[in-house]
Amino acid sequence: MADMKKINEQNLEEVNGGANGVAGAGNQRIVANLQAGYLAVRTAPDYKYENEIQSTKLYNGDIVNITGGYAQGPGVGGVMTTYVWVYVPKTGVSGWVNSYFLA
């Protein structure tokens, strides 16, 4: 396993496209397709209430930056869903979101 190290806030901004959440080409997405409610940012790629990061709820028009990989996990009703690891500039939080709701 590769050695892991923490990075400071300035380096994190560079990874995510710069200050104020301005993303580099190709990694910025907008939350869309929500009929009601919010898109949860999760600690695991799995549709469970316990996985929700309560401080971060996304609504239509919110911007996220894709900063990591994709994973398959159960979504609503147990249907397999693709999740993506994102950084949320408005809250400074990273986590998994259901990629279906990103445009």
PDB file of N, CA and C in Angstrom:
ATOM      1  N   MET A   1       0.844  -1.186   0.000  1.00  0.00           N
ATOM      2  CA  MET A   1       0.000   0.000   0.000  1.00  0.00           C
ATOM      3  C   MET A   1       0.884   1.241   0.000  1.00  0.00           C
ATOM      4  N   ALA A   2       0.507   2.228  -0.765  1.00  0.00           N
ATOM      5  CA  ALA A   2       1.293   3.458  -0.863  1.00  0.00           C
ATOM      6  C   ALA A   2       1.242   4.237   0.446  1.00  0.00           C
ATOM      7  N   ASP A   3       2.309   4.970   0.718  1.00  0.00           N
ATOM      8  CA  ASP A   3       2.320   5.821   1.902  1.00  0.00           C
ATOM      9  C   ASP A   3       1.332   6.959   1.705  1.00  0.00           C
ATOM     10  N   MET A   4       0.556   7.225   2.729  1.00  0.00           N
ATOM     11  CA  MET A   4      -0.435   8.291   2.675  1.00  0.00           C
ATOM     12  C   MET A   4       0.032   9.419   3.573  1.00  0.00           C
ATOM     13  N   LYS A   5      -0.228  10.666   3.161  1.00  0.00           N
ATOM     14  CA  LYS A   5       0.092  11.790   4.022  1.00  0.00           C
ATOM     15  C   LYS A   5      -0.990  12.839   3.881  1.00  0.00           C
ATOM     16  N   LYS A   6      -1.191  13.588   4.941  1.00  0.00           N
ATOM     17  CA  LYS A   6      -2.173  14.655   4.914  1.00  0.00           C
ATOM     18  C   LYS A   6      -1.615  15.818   4.113  1.00  0.00           C
ATOM     19  N   ILE A   7      -2.520  16.565   3.481  1.00  0.00           N
ATOM     20  CA  ILE A   7      -2.094  17.756   2.769  1.00  0.00           C
ATOM     21  C   ILE A   7      -2.767  18.963   3.410  1.00  0.00           C
ATOM     22  N   ASN A   8      -2.130  20.110   3.259  1.00  0.00           N
ATOM     23  CA  ASN A   8      -2.702  21.311   3.876  1.00  0.00           C
ATOM     24  C   ASN A   8      -3.824  21.870   3.002  1.00  0.00           C
ATOM     25  N   GLU A   9      -4.525  22.861   3.526  1.00  0.00           N
ATOM     26  CA  GLU A   9      -5.687  23.411   2.834  1.00  0.00           C
ATOM     27  C   GLU A   9      -5.328  24.016   1.478  1.00  0.00           C
ATOM     28  N   GLN A  10      -4.186  24.662   1.371  1.00  0.00           N
ATOM     29  CA  GLN A  10      -3.766  25.256   0.105  1.00  0.00           C
ATOM     30  C   GLN A  10      -3.555  24.165  -0.947  1.00  0.00           C
ATOM     31  N   ASN A  11      -2.888  23.082  -0.572  1.00  0.00           N
ATOM     32  CA  ASN A  11      -2.688  21.983  -1.518  1.00  0.00           C
ATOM     33  C   ASN A  11      -4.010  21.345  -1.907  1.00  0.00           C
ATOM     34  N   LEU A  12      -4.947  21.235  -0.966  1.00  0.00           N
ATOM     35  CA  LEU A  12      -6.252  20.678  -1.268  1.00  0.00           C
ATOM     36  C   LEU A  12      -6.976  21.544  -2.288  1.00  0.00           C
ATOM     37  N   GLU A  13      -6.880  22.867  -2.144  1.00  0.00           N
ATOM     38  CA  GLU A  13      -7.500  23.758  -3.127  1.00  0.00           C
ATOM     39  C   GLU A  13      -6.910  23.546  -4.514  1.00  0.00           C
ATOM     40  N   GLU A  14      -5.599  23.348  -4.599  1.00  0.00           N
ATOM     41  CA  GLU A  14      -4.961  23.113  -5.890  1.00  0.00           C
ATOM     42  C   GLU A  14      -5.460  21.817  -6.525  1.00  0.00           C
ATOM     43  N   VAL A  15      -5.591  20.769  -5.720  1.00  0.00           N
ATOM     44  CA  VAL A  15      -6.097  19.489  -6.218  1.00  0.00           C
ATOM     45  C   VAL A  15      -7.509  19.653  -6.754  1.00  0.00           C
ATOM     46  N   ASN A  16      -8.311  20.466  -6.074  1.00  0.00           N
ATOM     47  CA  ASN A  16      -9.708  20.633  -6.440  1.00  0.00           C
ATOM     48  C   ASN A  16      -9.951  21.783  -7.402  1.00  0.00           C
ATOM     49  N   GLY A  17      -8.911  22.333  -7.987  1.00  0.00           N
ATOM     50  CA  GLY A  17      -9.099  23.315  -9.041  1.00  0.00           C
ATOM     51  C   GLY A  17      -8.903  24.753  -8.641  1.00  0.00           C
ATOM     52  N   GLY A  18      -8.458  25.031  -7.434  1.00  0.00           N
ATOM     53  CA  GLY A  18      -8.185  26.405  -7.043  1.00  0.00           C
ATOM     54  C   GLY A  18      -9.100  26.900  -5.948  1.00  0.00           C
ATOM     55  N   ALA A  19      -8.839  28.111  -5.498  1.00  0.00           N
ATOM     56  CA  ALA A  19      -9.626  28.711  -4.425  1.00  0.00           C
ATOM     57  C   ALA A  19     -11.064  28.909  -4.864  1.00  0.00           C
ATOM     58  N   ASN A  20     -11.959  28.956  -3.917  1.00  0.00           N
ATOM     59  CA  ASN A  20     -13.384  29.179  -4.144  1.00  0.00           C
ATOM     60  C   ASN A  20     -14.041  28.087  -4.970  1.00  0.00           C
ATOM     61  N   GLY A  21     -13.425  26.928  -5.011  1.00  0.00           N
ATOM     62  CA  GLY A  21     -14.046  25.800  -5.680  1.00  0.00           C
ATOM     63  C   GLY A  21     -14.081  25.892  -7.186  1.00  0.00           C
ATOM     64  N   VAL A  22     -13.245  26.736  -7.788  1.00  0.00           N
ATOM     65  CA  VAL A  22     -13.213  26.821  -9.243  1.00  0.00           C
ATOM     66  C   VAL A  22     -12.471  25.599  -9.750  1.00  0.00           C
ATOM     67  N   ALA A  23     -13.173  24.747 -10.415  1.00  0.00           N
ATOM     68  CA  ALA A  23     -12.611  23.448 -10.777  1.00  0.00           C
ATOM     69  C   ALA A  23     -11.840  23.509 -12.082  1.00  0.00           C
ATOM     70  N   GLY A  24     -10.939  22.558 -12.230  1.00  0.00           N
ATOM     71  CA  GLY A  24     -10.237  22.391 -13.492  1.00  0.00           C
ATOM     72  C   GLY A  24     -11.167  21.763 -14.513  1.00  0.00           C
ATOM     73  N   ALA A  25     -10.745  21.745 -15.746  1.00  0.00           N
ATOM     74  CA  ALA A  25     -11.578  21.221 -16.829  1.00  0.00           C
ATOM     75  C   ALA A  25     -11.968  19.777 -16.563  1.00  0.00           C
ATOM     76  N   GLY A  26     -13.254  19.508 -16.698  1.00  0.00           N
ATOM     77  CA  GLY A  26     -13.727  18.144 -16.651  1.00  0.00           C
ATOM     78  C   GLY A  26     -14.118  17.604 -15.290  1.00  0.00           C
ATOM     79  N   ASN A  27     -13.778  18.252 -14.194  1.00  0.00           N
ATOM     80  CA  ASN A  27     -14.115  17.646 -12.912  1.00  0.00           C
ATOM     81  C   ASN A  27     -15.237  18.364 -12.171  1.00  0.00           C
ATOM     82  N   GLN A  28     -15.756  19.442 -12.687  1.00  0.00           N
ATOM     83  CA  GLN A  28     -16.823  20.172 -12.022  1.00  0.00           C
ATOM     84  C   GLN A  28     -18.177  19.681 -12.532  1.00  0.00           C
ATOM     85  N   ARG A  29     -19.100  19.440 -11.612  1.00  0.00           N
ATOM     86  CA  ARG A  29     -20.437  18.982 -11.969  1.00  0.00           C
ATOM     87  C   ARG A  29     -21.468  19.783 -11.182  1.00  0.00           C
ATOM     88  N   ILE A  30     -22.678  19.831 -11.721  1.00  0.00           N
ATOM     89  CA  ILE A  30     -23.789  20.520 -11.077  1.00  0.00           C
ATOM     90  C   ILE A  30     -24.815  19.476 -10.661  1.00  0.00           C
ATOM     91  N   VAL A  31     -25.354  19.633  -9.456  1.00  0.00           N
ATOM     92  CA  VAL A  31     -26.409  18.743  -8.986  1.00  0.00           C
ATOM     93  C   VAL A  31     -27.669  19.063  -9.777  1.00  0.00           C
ATOM     94  N   ALA A  32     -28.290  18.040 -10.331  1.00  0.00           N
ATOM     95  CA  ALA A  32     -29.495  18.201 -11.149  1.00  0.00           C
ATOM     96  C   ALA A  32     -30.387  16.974 -10.967  1.00  0.00           C
ATOM     97  N   ASN A  33     -31.521  16.985 -11.575  1.00  0.00           N
ATOM     98  CA  ASN A  33     -32.458  15.854 -11.613  1.00  0.00           C
ATOM     99  C   ASN A  33     -33.153  15.563 -10.294  1.00  0.00           C
ATOM    100  N   LEU A  34     -33.014  16.416  -9.290  1.00  0.00           N
ATOM    101  CA  LEU A  34     -33.726  16.180  -8.033  1.00  0.00           C
ATOM    102  C   LEU A  34     -35.170  16.644  -8.187  1.00  0.00           C
ATOM    103  N   GLN A  35     -36.100  15.762  -7.948  1.00  0.00           N
ATOM    104  CA  GLN A  35     -37.514  16.131  -8.018  1.00  0.00           C
ATOM    105  C   GLN A  35     -37.970  16.777  -6.708  1.00  0.00           C
ATOM    106  N   ALA A  36     -37.355  16.359  -5.610  1.00  0.00           N
ATOM    107  CA  ALA A  36     -37.665  16.892  -4.281  1.00  0.00           C
ATOM    108  C   ALA A  36     -36.527  16.521  -3.343  1.00  0.00           C
ATOM    109  N   GLY A  37     -36.455  17.183  -2.227  1.00  0.00           N
ATOM    110  CA  GLY A  37     -35.465  16.824  -1.219  1.00  0.00           C
ATOM    111  C   GLY A  37     -34.056  17.239  -1.586  1.00  0.00           C
ATOM    112  N   TYR A  38     -33.090  16.424  -1.158  1.00  0.00           N
ATOM    113  CA  TYR A  38     -31.684  16.759  -1.329  1.00  0.00           C
ATOM    114  C   TYR A  38     -30.893  15.526  -1.734  1.00  0.00           C
ATOM    115  N   LEU A  39     -29.684  15.773  -2.228  1.00  0.00           N
ATOM    116  CA  LEU A  39     -28.738  14.713  -2.540  1.00  0.00           C
ATOM    117  C   LEU A  39     -27.775  14.618  -1.364  1.00  0.00           C
ATOM    118  N   ALA A  40     -27.705  13.442  -0.757  1.00  0.00           N
ATOM    119  CA  ALA A  40     -26.850  13.251   0.411  1.00  0.00           C
ATOM    120  C   ALA A  40     -25.410  12.997  -0.007  1.00  0.00           C
ATOM    121  N   VAL A  41     -24.495  13.596   0.730  1.00  0.00           N
ATOM    122  CA  VAL A  41     -23.077  13.266   0.626  1.00  0.00           C
ATOM    123  C   VAL A  41     -22.849  12.197   1.686  1.00  0.00           C
ATOM    124  N   ARG A  42     -22.193  11.098   1.300  1.00  0.00           N
ATOM    125  CA  ARG A  42     -22.108   9.924   2.165  1.00  0.00           C
ATOM    126  C   ARG A  42     -20.670   9.532   2.481  1.00  0.00           C
ATOM    127  N   THR A  43     -20.514   8.837   3.592  1.00  0.00           N
ATOM    128  CA  THR A  43     -19.206   8.332   3.995  1.00  0.00           C
ATOM    129  C   THR A  43     -18.868   7.014   3.318  1.00  0.00           C
ATOM    130  N   ALA A  44     -19.843   6.371   2.705  1.00  0.00           N
ATOM    131  CA  ALA A  44     -19.644   5.103   1.996  1.00  0.00           C
ATOM    132  C   ALA A  44     -20.581   5.064   0.792  1.00  0.00           C
ATOM    133  N   PRO A  45     -20.208   4.357  -0.269  1.00  0.00           N
ATOM    134  CA  PRO A  45     -21.068   4.271  -1.456  1.00  0.00           C
ATOM    135  C   PRO A  45     -22.209   3.282  -1.229  1.00  0.00           C
ATOM    136  N   ASP A  46     -23.146   3.674  -0.408  1.00  0.00           N
ATOM    137  CA  ASP A  46     -24.235   2.796  -0.005  1.00  0.00           C
ATOM    138  C   ASP A  46     -25.387   3.668   0.483  1.00  0.00           C
ATOM    139  N   TYR A  47     -26.606   3.378   0.017  1.00  0.00           N
ATOM    140  CA  TYR A  47     -27.780   4.175   0.370  1.00  0.00           C
ATOM    141  C   TYR A  47     -28.295   3.757   1.753  1.00  0.00           C
ATOM    142  N   LYS A  48     -27.687   4.339   2.780  1.00  0.00           N
ATOM    143  CA  LYS A  48     -28.114   4.122   4.157  1.00  0.00           C
ATOM    144  C   LYS A  48     -28.103   5.471   4.871  1.00  0.00           C
ATOM    145  N   TYR A  49     -29.098   5.672   5.710  1.00  0.00           N
ATOM    146  CA  TYR A  49     -29.181   6.933   6.460  1.00  0.00           C
ATOM    147  C   TYR A  49     -27.923   7.161   7.298  1.00  0.00           C
ATOM    148  N   GLU A  50     -27.375   6.089   7.848  1.00  0.00           N
ATOM    149  CA  GLU A  50     -26.205   6.195   8.712  1.00  0.00           C
ATOM    150  C   GLU A  50     -24.977   6.727   7.974  1.00  0.00           C
ATOM    151  N   ASN A  51     -24.950   6.622   6.659  1.00  0.00           N
ATOM    152  CA  ASN A  51     -23.810   7.072   5.847  1.00  0.00           C
ATOM    153  C   ASN A  51     -23.868   8.557   5.499  1.00  0.00           C
ATOM    154  N   GLU A  52     -24.978   9.207   5.749  1.00  0.00           N
ATOM    155  CA  GLU A  52     -25.115  10.612   5.368  1.00  0.00           C
ATOM    156  C   GLU A  52     -24.237  11.510   6.227  1.00  0.00           C
ATOM    157  N   ILE A  53     -23.558  12.433   5.573  1.00  0.00           N
ATOM    158  CA  ILE A  53     -22.806  13.474   6.279  1.00  0.00           C
ATOM    159  C   ILE A  53     -23.806  14.603   6.510  1.00  0.00           C
ATOM    160  N   GLN A  54     -24.274  14.725   7.729  1.00  0.00           N
ATOM    161  CA  GLN A  54     -25.395  15.613   8.042  1.00  0.00           C
ATOM    162  C   GLN A  54     -25.120  17.089   7.758  1.00  0.00           C
ATOM    163  N   SER A  55     -23.860  17.498   7.785  1.00  0.00           N
ATOM    164  CA  SER A  55     -23.550  18.919   7.577  1.00  0.00           C
ATOM    165  C   SER A  55     -23.613  19.320   6.113  1.00  0.00           C
ATOM    166  N   THR A  56     -23.765  18.348   5.208  1.00  0.00           N
ATOM    167  CA  THR A  56     -23.731  18.662   3.784  1.00  0.00           C
ATOM    168  C   THR A  56     -24.900  18.015   3.054  1.00  0.00           C
ATOM    169  N   LYS A  57     -25.828  18.853   2.615  1.00  0.00           N
ATOM    170  CA  LYS A  57     -26.950  18.409   1.793  1.00  0.00           C
ATOM    171  C   LYS A  57     -26.907  19.223   0.518  1.00  0.00           C
ATOM    172  N   LEU A  58     -27.013  18.549  -0.619  1.00  0.00           N
ATOM    173  CA  LEU A  58     -26.906  19.214  -1.911  1.00  0.00           C
ATOM    174  C   LEU A  58     -28.283  19.361  -2.549  1.00  0.00           C
ATOM    175  N   TYR A  59     -28.475  20.491  -3.224  1.00  0.00           N
ATOM    176  CA  TYR A  59     -29.733  20.781  -3.894  1.00  0.00           C
ATOM    177  C   TYR A  59     -29.447  21.101  -5.358  1.00  0.00           C
ATOM    178  N   ASN A  60     -30.485  21.077  -6.210  1.00  0.00           N
ATOM    179  CA  ASN A  60     -30.314  21.410  -7.621  1.00  0.00           C
ATOM    180  C   ASN A  60     -29.539  22.714  -7.766  1.00  0.00           C
ATOM    181  N   GLY A  61     -28.529  22.700  -8.629  1.00  0.00           N
ATOM    182  CA  GLY A  61     -27.718  23.883  -8.885  1.00  0.00           C
ATOM    183  C   GLY A  61     -26.447  23.956  -8.070  1.00  0.00           C
ATOM    184  N   ASP A  62     -26.327  23.169  -7.003  1.00  0.00           N
ATOM    185  CA  ASP A  62     -25.087  23.147  -6.226  1.00  0.00           C
ATOM    186  C   ASP A  62     -23.960  22.555  -7.068  1.00  0.00           C
ATOM    187  N   ILE A  63     -22.750  23.027  -6.821  1.00  0.00           N
ATOM    188  CA  ILE A  63     -21.582  22.586  -7.585  1.00  0.00           C
ATOM    189  C   ILE A  63     -20.727  21.663  -6.736  1.00  0.00           C
ATOM    190  N   VAL A  64     -20.246  20.589  -7.366  1.00  0.00           N
ATOM    191  CA  VAL A  64     -19.296  19.675  -6.728  1.00  0.00           C
ATOM    192  C   VAL A  64     -18.135  19.449  -7.690  1.00  0.00           C
ATOM    193  N   ASN A  65     -16.997  19.075  -7.144  1.00  0.00           N
ATOM    194  CA  ASN A  65     -15.830  18.734  -7.954  1.00  0.00           C
ATOM    195  C   ASN A  65     -15.530  17.257  -7.759  1.00  0.00           C
ATOM    196  N   ILE A  66     -15.455  16.513  -8.856  1.00  0.00           N
ATOM    197  CA  ILE A  66     -15.104  15.102  -8.769  1.00  0.00           C
ATOM    198  C   ILE A  66     -13.611  15.015  -8.492  1.00  0.00           C
ATOM    199  N   THR A  67     -13.261  14.381  -7.377  1.00  0.00           N
ATOM    200  CA  THR A  67     -11.859  14.340  -6.969  1.00  0.00           C
ATOM    201  C   THR A  67     -11.341  12.924  -6.807  1.00  0.00           C
ATOM    202  N   GLY A  68     -12.187  11.951  -6.985  1.00  0.00           N
ATOM    203  CA  GLY A  68     -11.754  10.575  -6.781  1.00  0.00           C
ATOM    204  C   GLY A  68     -12.419   9.633  -7.739  1.00  0.00           C
ATOM    205  N   GLY A  69     -12.426   8.392  -7.357  1.00  0.00           N
ATOM    206  CA  GLY A  69     -12.920   7.343  -8.222  1.00  0.00           C
ATOM    207  C   GLY A  69     -14.405   7.107  -8.118  1.00  0.00           C
ATOM    208  N   TYR A  70     -14.816   6.070  -8.830  1.00  0.00           N
ATOM    209  CA  TYR A  70     -16.198   5.640  -8.865  1.00  0.00           C
ATOM    210  C   TYR A  70     -16.322   4.317  -8.132  1.00  0.00           C
ATOM    211  N   ALA A  71     -17.503   4.036  -7.607  1.00  0.00           N
ATOM    212  CA  ALA A  71     -17.749   2.762  -6.942  1.00  0.00           C
ATOM    213  C   ALA A  71     -19.204   2.372  -7.173  1.00  0.00           C
ATOM    214  N   GLN A  72     -19.465   1.090  -7.203  1.00  0.00           N
ATOM    215  CA  GLN A  72     -20.830   0.584  -7.308  1.00  0.00           C
ATOM    216  C   GLN A  72     -21.339   0.284  -5.909  1.00  0.00           C
ATOM    217  N   GLY A  73     -22.583   0.595  -5.658  1.00  0.00           N
ATOM    218  CA  GLY A  73     -23.191   0.294  -4.377  1.00  0.00           C
ATOM    219  C   GLY A  73     -24.698   0.346  -4.494  1.00  0.00           C
ATOM    220  N   PRO A  74     -25.398  -0.168  -3.484  1.00  0.00           N
ATOM    221  CA  PRO A  74     -26.855  -0.158  -3.526  1.00  0.00           C
ATOM    222  C   PRO A  74     -27.422   1.244  -3.386  1.00  0.00           C
ATOM    223  N   GLY A  75     -28.371   1.552  -4.241  1.00  0.00           N
ATOM    224  CA  GLY A  75     -29.067   2.824  -4.172  1.00  0.00           C
ATOM    225  C   GLY A  75     -30.460   2.631  -3.622  1.00  0.00           C
ATOM    226  N   VAL A  76     -31.369   3.521  -3.983  1.00  0.00           N
ATOM    227  CA  VAL A  76     -32.749   3.451  -3.525  1.00  0.00           C
ATOM    228  C   VAL A  76     -33.348   2.115  -3.961  1.00  0.00           C
ATOM    229  N   GLY A  77     -33.979   1.423  -3.054  1.00  0.00           N
ATOM    230  CA  GLY A  77     -34.603   0.143  -3.369  1.00  0.00           C
ATOM    231  C   GLY A  77     -33.620  -0.986  -3.613  1.00  0.00           C
ATOM    232  N   GLY A  78     -32.349  -0.777  -3.276  1.00  0.00           N
ATOM    233  CA  GLY A  78     -31.347  -1.824  -3.448  1.00  0.00           C
ATOM    234  C   GLY A  78     -30.792  -1.953  -4.854  1.00  0.00           C
ATOM    235  N   VAL A  79     -31.252  -1.113  -5.793  1.00  0.00           N
ATOM    236  CA  VAL A  79     -30.756  -1.148  -7.167  1.00  0.00           C
ATOM    237  C   VAL A  79     -29.303  -0.677  -7.186  1.00  0.00           C
ATOM    238  N   MET A  80     -28.432  -1.377  -7.899  1.00  0.00           N
ATOM    239  CA  MET A  80     -27.023  -0.979  -7.966  1.00  0.00           C
ATOM    240  C   MET A  80     -26.892   0.383  -8.635  1.00  0.00           C
ATOM    241  N   THR A  81     -26.098   1.225  -8.041  1.00  0.00           N
ATOM    242  CA  THR A  81     -25.925   2.611  -8.456  1.00  0.00           C
ATOM    243  C   THR A  81     -24.439   2.931  -8.526  1.00  0.00           C
ATOM    244  N   THR A  82     -24.069   3.861  -9.405  1.00  0.00           N
ATOM    245  CA  THR A  82     -22.694   4.327  -9.453  1.00  0.00           C
ATOM    246  C   THR A  82     -22.561   5.557  -8.563  1.00  0.00           C
ATOM    247  N   TYR A  83     -21.629   5.477  -7.636  1.00  0.00           N
ATOM    248  CA  TYR A  83     -21.307   6.597  -6.759  1.00  0.00           C
ATOM    249  C   TYR A  83     -19.964   7.174  -7.179  1.00  0.00           C
ATOM    250  N   VAL A  84     -19.774   8.462  -6.926  1.00  0.00           N
ATOM    251  CA  VAL A  84     -18.517   9.128  -7.246  1.00  0.00           C
ATOM    252  C   VAL A  84     -18.059   9.926  -6.026  1.00  0.00           C
ATOM    253  N   TRP A  85     -16.734   9.976  -5.825  1.00  0.00           N
ATOM    254  CA  TRP A  85     -16.160  10.731  -4.704  1.00  0.00           C
ATOM    255  C   TRP A  85     -16.038  12.183  -5.133  1.00  0.00           C
ATOM    256  N   VAL A  86     -16.611  13.106  -4.351  1.00  0.00           N
ATOM    257  CA  VAL A  86     -16.610  14.525  -4.716  1.00  0.00           C
ATOM    258  C   VAL A  86     -16.142  15.385  -3.556  1.00  0.00           C
ATOM    259  N   TYR A  87     -15.741  16.603  -3.905  1.00  0.00           N
ATOM    260  CA  TYR A  87     -15.451  17.659  -2.944  1.00  0.00           C
ATOM    261  C   TYR A  87     -16.539  18.715  -3.122  1.00  0.00           C
ATOM    262  N   VAL A  88     -17.130  19.182  -2.018  1.00  0.00           N
ATOM    263  CA  VAL A  88     -18.199  20.171  -2.055  1.00  0.00           C
ATOM    264  C   VAL A  88     -17.630  21.520  -1.615  1.00  0.00           C
ATOM    265  N   PRO A  89     -17.396  22.440  -2.561  1.00  0.00           N
ATOM    266  CA  PRO A  89     -16.769  23.720  -2.217  1.00  0.00           C
ATOM    267  C   PRO A  89     -17.534  24.542  -1.176  1.00  0.00           C
ATOM    268  N   LYS A  90     -18.864  24.500  -1.196  1.00  0.00           N
ATOM    269  CA  LYS A  90     -19.633  25.361  -0.279  1.00  0.00           C
ATOM    270  C   LYS A  90     -19.486  24.952   1.182  1.00  0.00           C
ATOM    271  N   THR A  91     -19.103  23.700   1.443  1.00  0.00           N
ATOM    272  CA  THR A  91     -18.952  23.250   2.831  1.00  0.00           C
ATOM    273  C   THR A  91     -17.552  22.735   3.144  1.00  0.00           C
ATOM    274  N   GLY A  92     -16.734  22.501   2.106  1.00  0.00           N
ATOM    275  CA  GLY A  92     -15.395  21.969   2.325  1.00  0.00           C
ATOM    276  C   GLY A  92     -15.382  20.497   2.702  1.00  0.00           C
ATOM    277  N   VAL A  93     -16.443  19.781   2.377  1.00  0.00           N
ATOM    278  CA  VAL A  93     -16.592  18.375   2.743  1.00  0.00           C
ATOM    279  C   VAL A  93     -16.410  17.503   1.499  1.00  0.00           C
ATOM    280  N   SER A  94     -15.821  16.326   1.679  1.00  0.00           N
ATOM    281  CA  SER A  94     -15.714  15.334   0.612  1.00  0.00           C
ATOM    282  C   SER A  94     -16.503  14.098   0.995  1.00  0.00           C
ATOM    283  N   GLY A  95     -17.018  13.399  -0.001  1.00  0.00           N
ATOM    284  CA  GLY A  95     -17.755  12.171   0.261  1.00  0.00           C
ATOM    285  C   GLY A  95     -18.303  11.588  -1.026  1.00  0.00           C
ATOM    286  N   TRP A  96     -19.058  10.512  -0.875  1.00  0.00           N
ATOM    287  CA  TRP A  96     -19.657   9.814  -2.013  1.00  0.00           C
ATOM    288  C   TRP A  96     -21.029  10.396  -2.329  1.00  0.00           C
ATOM    289  N   VAL A  97     -21.350  10.555  -3.614  1.00  0.00           N
ATOM    290  CA  VAL A  97     -22.698  10.930  -4.037  1.00  0.00           C
ATOM    291  C   VAL A  97     -23.114  10.038  -5.197  1.00  0.00           C
ATOM    292  N   ASN A  98     -24.426   9.900  -5.357  1.00  0.00           N
ATOM    293  CA  ASN A  98     -24.992   9.128  -6.454  1.00  0.00           C
ATOM    294  C   ASN A  98     -24.777   9.926  -7.748  1.00  0.00           C
ATOM    295  N   SER A  99     -24.014   9.363  -8.681  1.00  0.00           N
ATOM    296  CA  SER A  99     -23.637  10.092  -9.899  1.00  0.00           C
ATOM    297  C   SER A  99     -24.829  10.369 -10.823  1.00  0.00           C
ATOM    298  N   TYR A 100     -25.932   9.659 -10.660  1.00  0.00           N
ATOM    299  CA  TYR A 100     -27.120   9.900 -11.485  1.00  0.00           C
ATOM    300  C   TYR A 100     -27.606  11.330 -11.363  1.00  0.00           C
ATOM    301  N   PHE A 101     -27.378  11.939 -10.213  1.00  0.00           N
ATOM    302  CA  PHE A 101     -27.882  13.281  -9.954  1.00  0.00           C
ATOM    303  C   PHE A 101     -26.885  14.388 -10.264  1.00  0.00           C
ATOM    304  N   LEU A 102     -25.821  14.074 -11.021  1.00  0.00           N
ATOM    305  CA  LEU A 102     -24.837  15.077 -11.418  1.00  0.00           C
ATOM    306  C   LEU A 102     -24.918  15.296 -12.922  1.00  0.00           C
ATOM    307  N   ALA A 103     -24.902  16.560 -13.334  1.00  0.00           N
ATOM    308  CA  ALA A 103     -24.955  16.885 -14.753  1.00  0.00           C
ATOM    309  C   ALA A 103     -23.630  17.479 -15.193  1.00  0.00           C
TER     310      ALA A 103
END
